[in-house]
Amino acid sequence: MVYLFLGVVVGALGVSICKVMRKGRLLSNRYTPFDDIMKGKSEKDSRFRGKHK
């Protein structure tokens, strides 16, 4: 059971690393929910419903 769990974790890490290497760049982490809170946006805004202006 331990080997199965370890295999799944290592497999997931391997797939993630391969995707990053294939794209040639890391994912952006510029957006944070704190940005929306400071701008006063709420769940009623179109961004949260999936509709973009």
N, C-alpha and C. Protein backbone atom coordinates (compact mmCIF):
# COMPACT_ATOMS: atom_id res chain seq x y z
N MET A 1 0.82 -1.19 0.00
CA MET A 1 0.00 0.00 0.00
C MET A 1 0.87 1.26 0.00
N VAL A 2 1.93 1.24 0.74
CA VAL A 2 2.83 2.38 0.80
C VAL A 2 3.48 2.62 -0.56
N TYR A 3 3.84 1.52 -1.24
CA TYR A 3 4.48 1.66 -2.55
C TYR A 3 3.51 2.21 -3.58
N LEU A 4 2.24 1.86 -3.48
CA LEU A 4 1.22 2.38 -4.39
C LEU A 4 1.08 3.89 -4.20
N PHE A 5 0.97 4.33 -2.96
CA PHE A 5 0.86 5.76 -2.67
C PHE A 5 2.09 6.51 -3.15
N LEU A 6 3.25 5.96 -2.88
CA LEU A 6 4.50 6.59 -3.31
C LEU A 6 4.57 6.66 -4.83
N GLY A 7 4.12 5.62 -5.51
CA GLY A 7 4.10 5.61 -6.97
C GLY A 7 3.19 6.68 -7.54
N VAL A 8 2.02 6.86 -6.92
CA VAL A 8 1.08 7.89 -7.38
C VAL A 8 1.68 9.28 -7.19
N VAL A 9 2.29 9.54 -6.05
CA VAL A 9 2.89 10.85 -5.77
C VAL A 9 4.04 11.13 -6.74
N VAL A 10 4.91 10.17 -6.92
CA VAL A 10 6.05 10.34 -7.83
C VAL A 10 5.55 10.51 -9.26
N GLY A 11 4.54 9.77 -9.65
CA GLY A 11 3.96 9.89 -10.98
C GLY A 11 3.36 11.27 -11.22
N ALA A 12 2.64 11.79 -10.24
CA ALA A 12 2.04 13.12 -10.37
C ALA A 12 3.12 14.19 -10.48
N LEU A 13 4.16 14.07 -9.68
CA LEU A 13 5.27 15.02 -9.76
C LEU A 13 5.97 14.93 -11.11
N GLY A 14 6.15 13.73 -11.61
CA GLY A 14 6.79 13.54 -12.90
C GLY A 14 6.00 14.17 -14.03
N VAL A 15 4.69 13.96 -14.02
CA VAL A 15 3.83 14.56 -15.05
C VAL A 15 3.88 16.08 -14.97
N SER A 16 3.83 16.63 -13.77
CA SER A 16 3.89 18.08 -13.59
C SER A 16 5.21 18.66 -14.10
N ILE A 17 6.28 18.01 -13.77
CA ILE A 17 7.60 18.48 -14.21
C ILE A 17 7.72 18.40 -15.72
N CYS A 18 7.21 17.34 -16.32
CA CYS A 18 7.26 17.21 -17.78
C CYS A 18 6.46 18.30 -18.46
N LYS A 19 5.29 18.65 -17.91
CA LYS A 19 4.48 19.72 -18.50
C LYS A 19 5.20 21.05 -18.42
N VAL A 20 5.84 21.34 -17.30
CA VAL A 20 6.57 22.60 -17.14
C VAL A 20 7.74 22.65 -18.10
N MET A 21 8.46 21.55 -18.24
CA MET A 21 9.62 21.53 -19.13
C MET A 21 9.19 21.65 -20.59
N ARG A 22 8.07 21.05 -20.94
CA ARG A 22 7.60 21.10 -22.32
C ARG A 22 7.16 22.51 -22.70
N LYS A 23 6.51 23.22 -21.78
CA LYS A 23 6.08 24.59 -22.05
C LYS A 23 7.27 25.56 -22.01
N GLY A 24 8.28 25.25 -21.26
CA GLY A 24 9.46 26.09 -21.19
C GLY A 24 9.35 27.25 -20.22
N ARG A 25 8.28 27.27 -19.44
CA ARG A 25 8.14 28.34 -18.45
C ARG A 25 7.28 27.87 -17.30
N LEU A 26 7.38 28.54 -16.19
CA LEU A 26 6.58 28.20 -15.03
C LEU A 26 5.24 28.92 -15.10
N LEU A 27 4.29 28.44 -14.33
CA LEU A 27 2.99 29.09 -14.28
C LEU A 27 3.10 30.44 -13.58
N SER A 28 2.26 31.36 -14.00
CA SER A 28 2.26 32.69 -13.41
C SER A 28 1.55 32.66 -12.06
N ASN A 29 2.10 33.35 -11.10
CA ASN A 29 1.45 33.46 -9.81
C ASN A 29 1.17 34.92 -9.47
N ARG A 30 0.95 35.75 -10.48
CA ARG A 30 0.70 37.17 -10.24
C ARG A 30 -0.66 37.44 -9.62
N TYR A 31 -1.67 36.65 -9.98
CA TYR A 31 -3.02 36.87 -9.46
C TYR A 31 -3.17 36.25 -8.08
N THR A 32 -3.76 37.00 -7.20
CA THR A 32 -4.14 36.46 -5.89
C THR A 32 -5.53 36.97 -5.56
N PRO A 33 -6.31 36.23 -4.78
CA PRO A 33 -7.63 36.72 -4.38
C PRO A 33 -7.53 38.04 -3.61
N PHE A 34 -6.41 38.29 -2.99
CA PHE A 34 -6.21 39.54 -2.25
C PHE A 34 -6.37 40.74 -3.17
N ASP A 35 -5.95 40.60 -4.44
CA ASP A 35 -6.09 41.68 -5.41
C ASP A 35 -7.55 42.06 -5.59
N ASP A 36 -8.42 41.07 -5.73
CA ASP A 36 -9.85 41.36 -5.90
C ASP A 36 -10.44 41.96 -4.63
N ILE A 37 -10.00 41.49 -3.49
CA ILE A 37 -10.52 42.03 -2.23
C ILE A 37 -10.16 43.51 -2.11
N MET A 38 -8.95 43.86 -2.45
CA MET A 38 -8.51 45.26 -2.35
C MET A 38 -9.20 46.14 -3.38
N LYS A 39 -9.58 45.57 -4.52
CA LYS A 39 -10.27 46.35 -5.56
C LYS A 39 -11.77 46.42 -5.28
N GLY A 40 -12.24 45.67 -4.32
CA GLY A 40 -13.65 45.70 -3.96
C GLY A 40 -14.53 44.83 -4.82
N LYS A 41 -13.96 43.88 -5.53
CA LYS A 41 -14.76 42.99 -6.36
C LYS A 41 -15.43 41.94 -5.48
N SER A 42 -16.58 41.48 -5.93
CA SER A 42 -17.29 40.45 -5.19
C SER A 42 -17.68 39.32 -6.14
N GLU A 43 -18.38 38.32 -5.60
CA GLU A 43 -18.80 37.19 -6.41
C GLU A 43 -19.84 37.59 -7.44
N LYS A 44 -20.47 38.74 -7.28
CA LYS A 44 -21.48 39.21 -8.22
C LYS A 44 -20.85 39.75 -9.50
N ASP A 45 -19.56 40.01 -9.48
CA ASP A 45 -18.89 40.53 -10.67
C ASP A 45 -18.87 39.47 -11.76
N SER A 46 -18.80 39.92 -13.00
CA SER A 46 -18.87 39.01 -14.15
C SER A 46 -17.69 38.04 -14.18
N ARG A 47 -16.58 38.38 -13.62
CA ARG A 47 -15.41 37.52 -13.65
C ARG A 47 -15.68 36.19 -12.94
N PHE A 48 -16.44 36.25 -11.87
CA PHE A 48 -16.69 35.05 -11.08
C PHE A 48 -17.77 34.16 -11.71
N ARG A 49 -18.58 34.72 -12.59
CA ARG A 49 -19.62 33.92 -13.24
C ARG A 49 -19.13 33.29 -14.53
N GLY A 50 -17.91 33.59 -14.92
CA GLY A 50 -17.36 33.00 -16.14
C GLY A 50 -17.59 33.86 -17.37
N LYS A 51 -18.20 35.01 -17.22
CA LYS A 51 -18.42 35.91 -18.34
C LYS A 51 -17.40 37.03 -18.28
N HIS A 52 -16.67 37.20 -19.37
CA HIS A 52 -15.65 38.25 -19.39
C HIS A 52 -16.15 39.42 -20.19
N LYS A 53 -15.81 40.60 -19.73
CA LYS A 53 -16.21 41.83 -20.45
C LYS A 53 -15.30 42.07 -21.62
